[in-house]
Amino acid sequence: MNEPIASDLETRLNALAAGEQQGEDFDARSWFWLVMLGMVIPALLLVIGWYCT
């Protein structure tokens, strides 16, 4: 029973190691939204919250 799982796992690990399915890095637009949604907008909301209370 472990043999099919082990061979499937080995196949998946080899595919990950090959890197063919990895895709591209972030482009400039993706970095912009990542920074805006993850850092700038939450910081602005914190500042607004501090001044509105």
PDB file of N, CA and C in Angstrom:
ATOM      1  N   MET A   1       0.813  -1.192   0.000  1.00  0.00           N
ATOM      2  CA  MET A   1       0.000   0.000   0.000  1.00  0.00           C
ATOM      3  C   MET A   1       0.862   1.263   0.000  1.00  0.00           C
ATOM      4  N   ASN A   2       2.031   1.243   0.602  1.00  0.00           N
ATOM      5  CA  ASN A   2       2.894   2.418   0.641  1.00  0.00           C
ATOM      6  C   ASN A   2       3.611   2.672  -0.674  1.00  0.00           C
ATOM      7  N   GLU A   3       3.738   1.658  -1.492  1.00  0.00           N
ATOM      8  CA  GLU A   3       4.485   1.806  -2.737  1.00  0.00           C
ATOM      9  C   GLU A   3       3.853   2.812  -3.701  1.00  0.00           C
ATOM     10  N   PRO A   4       2.534   2.787  -3.974  1.00  0.00           N
ATOM     11  CA  PRO A   4       1.964   3.800  -4.877  1.00  0.00           C
ATOM     12  C   PRO A   4       2.092   5.219  -4.329  1.00  0.00           C
ATOM     13  N   ILE A   5       1.955   5.370  -3.032  1.00  0.00           N
ATOM     14  CA  ILE A   5       2.086   6.696  -2.432  1.00  0.00           C
ATOM     15  C   ILE A   5       3.527   7.178  -2.554  1.00  0.00           C
ATOM     16  N   ALA A   6       4.472   6.317  -2.296  1.00  0.00           N
ATOM     17  CA  ALA A   6       5.884   6.705  -2.364  1.00  0.00           C
ATOM     18  C   ALA A   6       6.285   7.067  -3.793  1.00  0.00           C
ATOM     19  N   SER A   7       5.807   6.306  -4.781  1.00  0.00           N
ATOM     20  CA  SER A   7       6.178   6.614  -6.161  1.00  0.00           C
ATOM     21  C   SER A   7       5.510   7.913  -6.617  1.00  0.00           C
ATOM     22  N   ASP A   8       4.279   8.153  -6.185  1.00  0.00           N
ATOM     23  CA  ASP A   8       3.598   9.401  -6.527  1.00  0.00           C
ATOM     24  C   ASP A   8       4.297  10.586  -5.869  1.00  0.00           C
ATOM     25  N   LEU A   9       4.715  10.412  -4.636  1.00  0.00           N
ATOM     26  CA  LEU A   9       5.439  11.471  -3.937  1.00  0.00           C
ATOM     27  C   LEU A   9       6.759  11.771  -4.633  1.00  0.00           C
ATOM     28  N   GLU A  10       7.453  10.736  -5.032  1.00  0.00           N
ATOM     29  CA  GLU A  10       8.730  10.930  -5.727  1.00  0.00           C
ATOM     30  C   GLU A  10       8.521  11.654  -7.060  1.00  0.00           C
ATOM     31  N   THR A  11       7.464  11.326  -7.769  1.00  0.00           N
ATOM     32  CA  THR A  11       7.150  11.993  -9.030  1.00  0.00           C
ATOM     33  C   THR A  11       6.875  13.475  -8.803  1.00  0.00           C
ATOM     34  N   ARG A  12       6.105  13.791  -7.774  1.00  0.00           N
ATOM     35  CA  ARG A  12       5.790  15.193  -7.478  1.00  0.00           C
ATOM     36  C   ARG A  12       7.029  15.970  -7.037  1.00  0.00           C
ATOM     37  N   LEU A  13       7.869  15.357  -6.240  1.00  0.00           N
ATOM     38  CA  LEU A  13       9.097  16.026  -5.803  1.00  0.00           C
ATOM     39  C   LEU A  13      10.036  16.293  -6.969  1.00  0.00           C
ATOM     40  N   ASN A  14      10.122  15.350  -7.879  1.00  0.00           N
ATOM     41  CA  ASN A  14      10.962  15.552  -9.064  1.00  0.00           C
ATOM     42  C   ASN A  14      10.415  16.680  -9.935  1.00  0.00           C
ATOM     43  N   ALA A  15       9.080  16.773 -10.049  1.00  0.00           N
ATOM     44  CA  ALA A  15       8.486  17.859 -10.837  1.00  0.00           C
ATOM     45  C   ALA A  15       8.775  19.208 -10.190  1.00  0.00           C
ATOM     46  N   LEU A  16       8.720  19.280  -8.861  1.00  0.00           N
ATOM     47  CA  LEU A  16       9.039  20.534  -8.173  1.00  0.00           C
ATOM     48  C   LEU A  16      10.510  20.897  -8.332  1.00  0.00           C
ATOM     49  N   ALA A  17      11.378  19.912  -8.269  1.00  0.00           N
ATOM     50  CA  ALA A  17      12.810  20.161  -8.382  1.00  0.00           C
ATOM     51  C   ALA A  17      13.176  20.621  -9.794  1.00  0.00           C
ATOM     52  N   ALA A  18      12.441  20.167 -10.795  1.00  0.00           N
ATOM     53  CA  ALA A  18      12.737  20.550 -12.176  1.00  0.00           C
ATOM     54  C   ALA A  18      12.461  22.032 -12.403  1.00  0.00           C
ATOM     55  N   GLY A  19      11.462  22.582 -11.733  1.00  0.00           N
ATOM     56  CA  GLY A  19      11.183  23.999 -11.843  1.00  0.00           C
ATOM     57  C   GLY A  19      10.404  24.423 -13.066  1.00  0.00           C
ATOM     58  N   GLU A  20       9.957  23.476 -13.869  1.00  0.00           N
ATOM     59  CA  GLU A  20       9.229  23.824 -15.087  1.00  0.00           C
ATOM     60  C   GLU A  20       7.845  24.394 -14.787  1.00  0.00           C
ATOM     61  N   GLN A  21       7.272  24.047 -13.662  1.00  0.00           N
ATOM     62  CA  GLN A  21       5.920  24.471 -13.311  1.00  0.00           C
ATOM     63  C   GLN A  21       5.916  25.637 -12.325  1.00  0.00           C
ATOM     64  N   GLN A  22       7.045  26.265 -12.123  1.00  0.00           N
ATOM     65  CA  GLN A  22       7.168  27.283 -11.086  1.00  0.00           C
ATOM     66  C   GLN A  22       6.472  28.591 -11.438  1.00  0.00           C
ATOM     67  N   GLY A  23       6.447  28.997 -12.668  1.00  0.00           N
ATOM     68  CA  GLY A  23       5.862  30.281 -13.040  1.00  0.00           C
ATOM     69  C   GLY A  23       6.891  31.397 -12.914  1.00  0.00           C
ATOM     70  N   GLU A  24       6.443  32.616 -13.209  1.00  0.00           N
ATOM     71  CA  GLU A  24       7.346  33.755 -13.194  1.00  0.00           C
ATOM     72  C   GLU A  24       7.308  34.454 -11.841  1.00  0.00           C
ATOM     73  N   ASP A  25       8.265  35.341 -11.621  1.00  0.00           N
ATOM     74  CA  ASP A  25       8.283  36.164 -10.417  1.00  0.00           C
ATOM     75  C   ASP A  25       7.212  37.242 -10.525  1.00  0.00           C
ATOM     76  N   PHE A  26       7.030  37.975  -9.425  1.00  0.00           N
ATOM     77  CA  PHE A  26       6.074  39.080  -9.442  1.00  0.00           C
ATOM     78  C   PHE A  26       6.539  40.170 -10.395  1.00  0.00           C
ATOM     79  N   ASP A  27       5.587  40.790 -11.075  1.00  0.00           N
ATOM     80  CA  ASP A  27       5.915  41.944 -11.900  1.00  0.00           C
ATOM     81  C   ASP A  27       5.697  43.212 -11.069  1.00  0.00           C
ATOM     82  N   ALA A  28       5.918  44.375 -11.669  1.00  0.00           N
ATOM     83  CA  ALA A  28       5.827  45.642 -10.943  1.00  0.00           C
ATOM     84  C   ALA A  28       4.420  45.890 -10.419  1.00  0.00           C
ATOM     85  N   ARG A  29       3.418  45.549 -11.205  1.00  0.00           N
ATOM     86  CA  ARG A  29       2.028  45.742 -10.768  1.00  0.00           C
ATOM     87  C   ARG A  29       1.711  44.879  -9.548  1.00  0.00           C
ATOM     88  N   SER A  30       2.186  43.648  -9.549  1.00  0.00           N
ATOM     89  CA  SER A  30       1.944  42.760  -8.412  1.00  0.00           C
ATOM     90  C   SER A  30       2.624  43.281  -7.156  1.00  0.00           C
ATOM     91  N   TRP A  31       3.852  43.771  -7.276  1.00  0.00           N
ATOM     92  CA  TRP A  31       4.551  44.337  -6.119  1.00  0.00           C
ATOM     93  C   TRP A  31       3.826  45.567  -5.589  1.00  0.00           C
ATOM     94  N   PHE A  32       3.317  46.412  -6.502  1.00  0.00           N
ATOM     95  CA  PHE A  32       2.590  47.600  -6.095  1.00  0.00           C
ATOM     96  C   PHE A  32       1.387  47.215  -5.233  1.00  0.00           C
ATOM     97  N   TRP A  33       0.564  46.295  -5.702  1.00  0.00           N
ATOM     98  CA  TRP A  33      -0.626  45.903  -4.947  1.00  0.00           C
ATOM     99  C   TRP A  33      -0.267  45.165  -3.677  1.00  0.00           C
ATOM    100  N   LEU A  34       0.786  44.387  -3.699  1.00  0.00           N
ATOM    101  CA  LEU A  34       1.225  43.690  -2.496  1.00  0.00           C
ATOM    102  C   LEU A  34       1.606  44.684  -1.409  1.00  0.00           C
ATOM    103  N   VAL A  35       2.354  45.712  -1.765  1.00  0.00           N
ATOM    104  CA  VAL A  35       2.767  46.735  -0.797  1.00  0.00           C
ATOM    105  C   VAL A  35       1.571  47.574  -0.361  1.00  0.00           C
ATOM    106  N   MET A  36       0.729  47.964  -1.303  1.00  0.00           N
ATOM    107  CA  MET A  36      -0.430  48.797  -0.969  1.00  0.00           C
ATOM    108  C   MET A  36      -1.393  48.069  -0.026  1.00  0.00           C
ATOM    109  N   LEU A  37      -1.754  46.867  -0.376  1.00  0.00           N
ATOM    110  CA  LEU A  37      -2.746  46.135   0.410  1.00  0.00           C
ATOM    111  C   LEU A  37      -2.173  45.568   1.701  1.00  0.00           C
ATOM    112  N   GLY A  38      -0.889  45.333   1.719  1.00  0.00           N
ATOM    113  CA  GLY A  38      -0.291  44.718   2.895  1.00  0.00           C
ATOM    114  C   GLY A  38       0.338  45.674   3.877  1.00  0.00           C
ATOM    115  N   MET A  39       0.718  46.883   3.425  1.00  0.00           N
ATOM    116  CA  MET A  39       1.423  47.801   4.316  1.00  0.00           C
ATOM    117  C   MET A  39       0.824  49.200   4.341  1.00  0.00           C
ATOM    118  N   VAL A  40       0.622  49.808   3.189  1.00  0.00           N
ATOM    119  CA  VAL A  40       0.214  51.211   3.136  1.00  0.00           C
ATOM    120  C   VAL A  40      -1.220  51.392   3.618  1.00  0.00           C
ATOM    121  N   ILE A  41      -2.154  50.660   3.066  1.00  0.00           N
ATOM    122  CA  ILE A  41      -3.555  50.819   3.454  1.00  0.00           C
ATOM    123  C   ILE A  41      -3.781  50.472   4.923  1.00  0.00           C
ATOM    124  N   PRO A  42      -3.240  49.351   5.448  1.00  0.00           N
ATOM    125  CA  PRO A  42      -3.409  49.104   6.881  1.00  0.00           C
ATOM    126  C   PRO A  42      -2.783  50.193   7.758  1.00  0.00           C
ATOM    127  N   ALA A  43      -1.642  50.739   7.344  1.00  0.00           N
ATOM    128  CA  ALA A  43      -1.019  51.818   8.120  1.00  0.00           C
ATOM    129  C   ALA A  43      -1.902  53.063   8.119  1.00  0.00           C
ATOM    130  N   LEU A  44      -2.475  53.393   6.970  1.00  0.00           N
ATOM    131  CA  LEU A  44      -3.384  54.533   6.899  1.00  0.00           C
ATOM    132  C   LEU A  44      -4.616  54.321   7.774  1.00  0.00           C
ATOM    133  N   LEU A  45      -5.149  53.131   7.765  1.00  0.00           N
ATOM    134  CA  LEU A  45      -6.314  52.843   8.602  1.00  0.00           C
ATOM    135  C   LEU A  45      -5.965  52.950  10.090  1.00  0.00           C
ATOM    136  N   LEU A  46      -4.776  52.526  10.463  1.00  0.00           N
ATOM    137  CA  LEU A  46      -4.346  52.684  11.860  1.00  0.00           C
ATOM    138  C   LEU A  46      -4.230  54.155  12.244  1.00  0.00           C
ATOM    139  N   VAL A  47      -3.637  54.964  11.380  1.00  0.00           N
ATOM    140  CA  VAL A  47      -3.488  56.385  11.661  1.00  0.00           C
ATOM    141  C   VAL A  47      -4.863  57.052  11.749  1.00  0.00           C
ATOM    142  N   ILE A  48      -5.756  56.737  10.838  1.00  0.00           N
ATOM    143  CA  ILE A  48      -7.114  57.290  10.887  1.00  0.00           C
ATOM    144  C   ILE A  48      -7.806  56.862  12.190  1.00  0.00           C
ATOM    145  N   GLY A  49      -7.633  55.628  12.566  1.00  0.00           N
ATOM    146  CA  GLY A  49      -8.239  55.136  13.803  1.00  0.00           C
ATOM    147  C   GLY A  49      -7.701  55.850  15.037  1.00  0.00           C
ATOM    148  N   TRP A  50      -6.411  56.168  15.050  1.00  0.00           N
ATOM    149  CA  TRP A  50      -5.833  56.847  16.195  1.00  0.00           C
ATOM    150  C   TRP A  50      -6.381  58.263  16.341  1.00  0.00           C
ATOM    151  N   TYR A  51      -6.577  58.936  15.196  1.00  0.00           N
ATOM    152  CA  TYR A  51      -7.030  60.328  15.247  1.00  0.00           C
ATOM    153  C   TYR A  51      -8.543  60.474  15.389  1.00  0.00           C
ATOM    154  N   CYS A  52      -9.279  59.434  15.115  1.00  0.00           N
ATOM    155  CA  CYS A  52     -10.747  59.509  15.208  1.00  0.00           C
ATOM    156  C   CYS A  52     -11.273  59.101  16.573  1.00  0.00           C
ATOM    157  N   THR A  53     -10.430  58.626  17.452  1.00  0.00           N
ATOM    158  CA  THR A  53     -10.909  58.211  18.779  1.00  0.00           C
ATOM    159  C   THR A  53     -10.619  59.257  19.813  1.00  0.00           C
TER     160      THR A  53
END
